[in-house]
Amino acid sequence: QHARALIMAADGIDVASSSTQDQDDLSTPELVSLLRELLARYEDPAFQAQVAKIQRAGVGDRRSALRPLALEAQAPVLRKYALPPDDSGVERLKHMVQRRIAE
């Protein structure tokens, strides 16, 4: 649901007003495409089955338990958009989305 909210927010961004884009940032259309690809991966039945398995396991800190699974889904998409396929790439993506929403 979080990814879907980000896509909806990014879809409402006026491309012309995104003039504060850093040189290393993705364009707004690229960012929206990346988020759509992530959402598709998160909605994949195999991914959802793995999430459900972790949830059923009763892990105390679900966020920590889900992190490697999420990164496994995110890495190919991050790599496709020339972002590091690791936690630093996820942080850069979050930063780009937050800046676009704030503009």
N, C-alpha and C. Protein backbone atom coordinates (compact mmCIF):
# COMPACT_ATOMS: atom_id res chain seq x y z
N GLN A 1 0.82 -1.19 0.00
CA GLN A 1 0.00 0.00 0.00
C GLN A 1 0.87 1.26 0.00
N HIS A 2 1.99 1.21 0.68
CA HIS A 2 2.88 2.36 0.74
C HIS A 2 3.39 2.71 -0.66
N ALA A 3 3.78 1.68 -1.41
CA ALA A 3 4.28 1.93 -2.77
C ALA A 3 3.19 2.53 -3.64
N ARG A 4 1.96 2.04 -3.49
CA ARG A 4 0.85 2.57 -4.29
C ARG A 4 0.62 4.04 -3.96
N ALA A 5 0.71 4.42 -2.69
CA ALA A 5 0.54 5.82 -2.29
C ALA A 5 1.64 6.69 -2.89
N LEU A 6 2.86 6.17 -2.93
CA LEU A 6 3.97 6.92 -3.52
C LEU A 6 3.75 7.13 -5.01
N ILE A 7 3.25 6.11 -5.70
CA ILE A 7 3.00 6.25 -7.13
C ILE A 7 1.91 7.28 -7.38
N MET A 8 0.86 7.23 -6.58
CA MET A 8 -0.22 8.20 -6.74
C MET A 8 0.30 9.61 -6.50
N ALA A 9 1.14 9.77 -5.51
CA ALA A 9 1.71 11.10 -5.23
C ALA A 9 2.61 11.53 -6.38
N ALA A 10 3.43 10.62 -6.88
CA ALA A 10 4.34 10.95 -7.96
C ALA A 10 3.59 11.26 -9.26
N ASP A 11 2.49 10.58 -9.48
CA ASP A 11 1.69 10.84 -10.68
C ASP A 11 1.15 12.26 -10.69
N GLY A 12 0.95 12.84 -9.52
CA GLY A 12 0.41 14.19 -9.43
C GLY A 12 1.45 15.28 -9.55
N ILE A 13 2.70 14.92 -9.72
CA ILE A 13 3.79 15.90 -9.79
C ILE A 13 3.78 16.56 -11.16
N ASP A 14 3.87 17.85 -11.15
CA ASP A 14 3.96 18.62 -12.40
C ASP A 14 5.40 18.55 -12.88
N VAL A 15 5.61 17.89 -14.00
CA VAL A 15 6.96 17.69 -14.52
C VAL A 15 7.67 19.03 -14.72
N ALA A 16 6.96 20.04 -15.17
CA ALA A 16 7.58 21.35 -15.41
C ALA A 16 8.06 21.98 -14.12
N SER A 17 7.41 21.67 -13.00
CA SER A 17 7.79 22.29 -11.74
C SER A 17 8.93 21.54 -11.05
N SER A 18 9.38 20.45 -11.62
CA SER A 18 10.43 19.64 -11.01
C SER A 18 11.81 20.14 -11.42
N SER A 19 12.02 21.42 -11.31
CA SER A 19 13.27 22.02 -11.78
C SER A 19 14.41 21.87 -10.78
N THR A 20 14.11 21.45 -9.56
CA THR A 20 15.16 21.29 -8.56
C THR A 20 15.78 19.90 -8.59
N GLN A 21 15.54 19.16 -9.64
CA GLN A 21 16.07 17.82 -9.77
C GLN A 21 17.59 17.86 -9.77
N ASP A 22 18.20 17.03 -8.92
CA ASP A 22 19.65 16.91 -8.90
C ASP A 22 20.11 16.16 -10.13
N GLN A 23 21.36 16.35 -10.47
CA GLN A 23 21.92 15.69 -11.64
C GLN A 23 21.80 14.17 -11.54
N ASP A 24 21.93 13.62 -10.34
CA ASP A 24 21.87 12.17 -10.15
C ASP A 24 20.46 11.64 -10.01
N ASP A 25 19.46 12.52 -9.97
CA ASP A 25 18.07 12.11 -9.82
C ASP A 25 17.52 11.53 -11.11
N LEU A 26 16.52 10.72 -10.94
CA LEU A 26 15.75 10.26 -12.09
C LEU A 26 14.77 11.35 -12.48
N SER A 27 14.37 11.37 -13.73
CA SER A 27 13.32 12.29 -14.13
C SER A 27 12.02 11.83 -13.48
N THR A 28 11.04 12.71 -13.45
CA THR A 28 9.76 12.34 -12.85
C THR A 28 9.13 11.15 -13.57
N PRO A 29 9.09 11.12 -14.89
CA PRO A 29 8.53 9.92 -15.55
C PRO A 29 9.31 8.63 -15.22
N GLU A 30 10.63 8.74 -15.14
CA GLU A 30 11.43 7.57 -14.77
C GLU A 30 11.10 7.11 -13.35
N LEU A 31 10.97 8.07 -12.45
CA LEU A 31 10.65 7.75 -11.07
C LEU A 31 9.30 7.06 -10.96
N VAL A 32 8.31 7.55 -11.68
CA VAL A 32 6.99 6.93 -11.67
C VAL A 32 7.08 5.51 -12.24
N SER A 33 7.84 5.33 -13.32
CA SER A 33 8.01 4.00 -13.90
C SER A 33 8.67 3.04 -12.93
N LEU A 34 9.71 3.52 -12.26
CA LEU A 34 10.41 2.70 -11.28
C LEU A 34 9.44 2.27 -10.18
N LEU A 35 8.66 3.20 -9.66
CA LEU A 35 7.71 2.87 -8.60
C LEU A 35 6.65 1.88 -9.07
N ARG A 36 6.21 2.02 -10.29
CA ARG A 36 5.24 1.06 -10.85
C ARG A 36 5.85 -0.34 -10.94
N GLU A 37 7.11 -0.41 -11.34
CA GLU A 37 7.78 -1.70 -11.43
C GLU A 37 7.94 -2.33 -10.05
N LEU A 38 8.28 -1.51 -9.06
CA LEU A 38 8.38 -2.04 -7.70
C LEU A 38 7.03 -2.56 -7.21
N LEU A 39 5.98 -1.80 -7.46
CA LEU A 39 4.65 -2.22 -7.05
C LEU A 39 4.29 -3.56 -7.68
N ALA A 40 4.59 -3.74 -8.95
CA ALA A 40 4.31 -5.01 -9.62
C ALA A 40 5.06 -6.16 -8.95
N ARG A 41 6.29 -5.91 -8.56
CA ARG A 41 7.06 -6.95 -7.87
C ARG A 41 6.48 -7.26 -6.49
N TYR A 42 6.04 -6.22 -5.78
CA TYR A 42 5.45 -6.42 -4.46
C TYR A 42 4.13 -7.17 -4.55
N GLU A 43 3.39 -6.97 -5.62
CA GLU A 43 2.09 -7.61 -5.79
C GLU A 43 2.21 -9.03 -6.36
N ASP A 44 3.39 -9.42 -6.81
CA ASP A 44 3.60 -10.75 -7.37
C ASP A 44 3.21 -11.81 -6.32
N PRO A 45 2.43 -12.81 -6.72
CA PRO A 45 1.99 -13.84 -5.77
C PRO A 45 3.14 -14.55 -5.03
N ALA A 46 4.24 -14.78 -5.71
CA ALA A 46 5.38 -15.44 -5.04
C ALA A 46 5.95 -14.56 -3.94
N PHE A 47 6.06 -13.26 -4.21
CA PHE A 47 6.55 -12.32 -3.20
C PHE A 47 5.57 -12.28 -2.03
N GLN A 48 4.28 -12.18 -2.33
CA GLN A 48 3.27 -12.12 -1.28
C GLN A 48 3.28 -13.39 -0.43
N ALA A 49 3.52 -14.54 -1.05
CA ALA A 49 3.60 -15.80 -0.31
C ALA A 49 4.77 -15.78 0.66
N GLN A 50 5.90 -15.23 0.22
CA GLN A 50 7.06 -15.14 1.11
C GLN A 50 6.80 -14.18 2.26
N VAL A 51 6.11 -13.06 1.99
CA VAL A 51 5.75 -12.12 3.05
C VAL A 51 4.84 -12.80 4.06
N ALA A 52 3.84 -13.53 3.56
CA ALA A 52 2.91 -14.22 4.46
C ALA A 52 3.64 -15.25 5.31
N LYS A 53 4.60 -15.94 4.74
CA LYS A 53 5.37 -16.93 5.49
C LYS A 53 6.13 -16.27 6.64
N ILE A 54 6.74 -15.13 6.36
CA ILE A 54 7.45 -14.40 7.41
C ILE A 54 6.48 -13.94 8.49
N GLN A 55 5.32 -13.45 8.08
CA GLN A 55 4.33 -12.98 9.04
C GLN A 55 3.82 -14.12 9.91
N ARG A 56 3.61 -15.30 9.31
CA ARG A 56 3.14 -16.46 10.08
C ARG A 56 4.20 -16.95 11.05
N ALA A 57 5.45 -16.72 10.73
CA ALA A 57 6.54 -17.19 11.59
C ALA A 57 6.58 -16.45 12.91
N GLY A 58 5.84 -15.36 13.01
CA GLY A 58 5.78 -14.62 14.26
C GLY A 58 7.08 -13.94 14.64
N VAL A 59 7.80 -13.51 13.66
CA VAL A 59 9.06 -12.81 13.89
C VAL A 59 8.78 -11.53 14.67
N GLY A 60 9.57 -11.26 15.69
CA GLY A 60 9.36 -10.07 16.52
C GLY A 60 9.45 -8.77 15.74
N ASP A 61 10.53 -8.58 15.03
CA ASP A 61 10.73 -7.35 14.27
C ASP A 61 10.49 -7.66 12.79
N ARG A 62 9.24 -7.52 12.35
CA ARG A 62 8.89 -7.86 10.96
C ARG A 62 9.65 -7.03 9.94
N ARG A 63 9.85 -5.77 10.25
CA ARG A 63 10.55 -4.89 9.30
C ARG A 63 11.96 -5.44 9.01
N SER A 64 12.66 -5.84 10.04
CA SER A 64 14.01 -6.40 9.85
C SER A 64 13.95 -7.73 9.11
N ALA A 65 12.92 -8.52 9.40
CA ALA A 65 12.78 -9.82 8.75
C ALA A 65 12.42 -9.67 7.27
N LEU A 66 11.64 -8.64 6.94
CA LEU A 66 11.21 -8.43 5.56
C LEU A 66 12.25 -7.70 4.72
N ARG A 67 13.18 -7.04 5.36
CA ARG A 67 14.16 -6.22 4.63
C ARG A 67 14.92 -6.98 3.54
N PRO A 68 15.50 -8.16 3.86
CA PRO A 68 16.23 -8.88 2.80
C PRO A 68 15.31 -9.31 1.65
N LEU A 69 14.09 -9.70 1.97
CA LEU A 69 13.12 -10.08 0.94
C LEU A 69 12.78 -8.89 0.05
N ALA A 70 12.53 -7.75 0.68
CA ALA A 70 12.20 -6.54 -0.09
C ALA A 70 13.37 -6.15 -0.98
N LEU A 71 14.57 -6.20 -0.45
CA LEU A 71 15.75 -5.81 -1.24
C LEU A 71 15.96 -6.76 -2.42
N GLU A 72 15.64 -8.02 -2.22
CA GLU A 72 15.74 -9.00 -3.31
C GLU A 72 14.81 -8.60 -4.46
N ALA A 73 13.62 -8.11 -4.13
CA ALA A 73 12.67 -7.66 -5.14
C ALA A 73 13.09 -6.32 -5.74
N GLN A 74 13.66 -5.45 -4.92
CA GLN A 74 14.02 -4.11 -5.35
C GLN A 74 15.29 -4.06 -6.19
N ALA A 75 16.25 -4.91 -5.90
CA ALA A 75 17.59 -4.82 -6.50
C ALA A 75 17.57 -4.78 -8.04
N PRO A 76 16.85 -5.67 -8.72
CA PRO A 76 16.87 -5.60 -10.19
C PRO A 76 16.30 -4.29 -10.74
N VAL A 77 15.28 -3.77 -10.08
CA VAL A 77 14.67 -2.52 -10.53
C VAL A 77 15.62 -1.36 -10.27
N LEU A 78 16.23 -1.33 -9.10
CA LEU A 78 17.20 -0.27 -8.79
C LEU A 78 18.33 -0.29 -9.81
N ARG A 79 18.83 -1.48 -10.09
CA ARG A 79 19.95 -1.63 -11.05
C ARG A 79 19.53 -1.12 -12.44
N LYS A 80 18.31 -1.44 -12.85
CA LYS A 80 17.81 -1.01 -14.16
C LYS A 80 17.83 0.51 -14.30
N TYR A 81 17.59 1.22 -13.19
CA TYR A 81 17.55 2.68 -13.21
C TYR A 81 18.86 3.30 -12.71
N ALA A 82 19.93 2.51 -12.78
CA ALA A 82 21.29 2.97 -12.45
C ALA A 82 21.44 3.42 -10.99
N LEU A 83 20.67 2.80 -10.11
CA LEU A 83 20.83 3.04 -8.68
C LEU A 83 21.52 1.82 -8.08
N PRO A 84 22.28 2.02 -7.02
CA PRO A 84 22.93 0.86 -6.39
C PRO A 84 21.87 -0.15 -5.93
N PRO A 85 22.06 -1.43 -6.22
CA PRO A 85 21.07 -2.44 -5.85
C PRO A 85 21.22 -2.89 -4.39
N ASP A 86 21.26 -1.91 -3.50
CA ASP A 86 21.46 -2.20 -2.08
C ASP A 86 20.74 -1.14 -1.25
N ASP A 87 20.99 -1.15 0.05
CA ASP A 87 20.32 -0.20 0.95
C ASP A 87 20.57 1.25 0.56
N SER A 88 21.75 1.55 0.03
CA SER A 88 22.02 2.94 -0.36
C SER A 88 21.15 3.35 -1.56
N GLY A 89 20.89 2.42 -2.46
CA GLY A 89 20.00 2.70 -3.58
C GLY A 89 18.57 2.94 -3.12
N VAL A 90 18.13 2.16 -2.13
CA VAL A 90 16.79 2.35 -1.56
C VAL A 90 16.70 3.73 -0.90
N GLU A 91 17.74 4.11 -0.19
CA GLU A 91 17.73 5.43 0.47
C GLU A 91 17.72 6.56 -0.57
N ARG A 92 18.47 6.41 -1.64
CA ARG A 92 18.45 7.43 -2.70
C ARG A 92 17.07 7.53 -3.33
N LEU A 93 16.43 6.39 -3.54
CA LEU A 93 15.08 6.37 -4.09
C LEU A 93 14.11 7.08 -3.15
N LYS A 94 14.17 6.76 -1.88
CA LYS A 94 13.29 7.42 -0.90
C LYS A 94 13.49 8.93 -0.92
N HIS A 95 14.74 9.35 -1.00
CA HIS A 95 15.06 10.78 -1.01
C HIS A 95 14.47 11.45 -2.25
N MET A 96 14.60 10.80 -3.41
CA MET A 96 14.04 11.38 -4.64
C MET A 96 12.52 11.52 -4.54
N VAL A 97 11.87 10.50 -4.02
CA VAL A 97 10.41 10.54 -3.89
C VAL A 97 9.99 11.64 -2.93
N GLN A 98 10.66 11.73 -1.78
CA GLN A 98 10.31 12.74 -0.80
C GLN A 98 10.50 14.15 -1.36
N ARG A 99 11.58 14.35 -2.10
CA ARG A 99 11.81 15.69 -2.68
C ARG A 99 10.74 16.04 -3.69
N ARG A 100 10.34 15.06 -4.51
CA ARG A 100 9.29 15.32 -5.50
C ARG A 100 7.97 15.66 -4.82
N ILE A 101 7.66 14.95 -3.76
CA ILE A 101 6.40 15.21 -3.05
C ILE A 101 6.43 16.59 -2.41
N ALA A 102 7.59 17.01 -1.93
CA ALA A 102 7.71 18.30 -1.25
C ALA A 102 7.69 19.47 -2.22
N GLU A 103 7.96 19.24 -3.51
CA GLU A 103 8.03 20.33 -4.47
C GLU A 103 6.67 20.92 -4.77
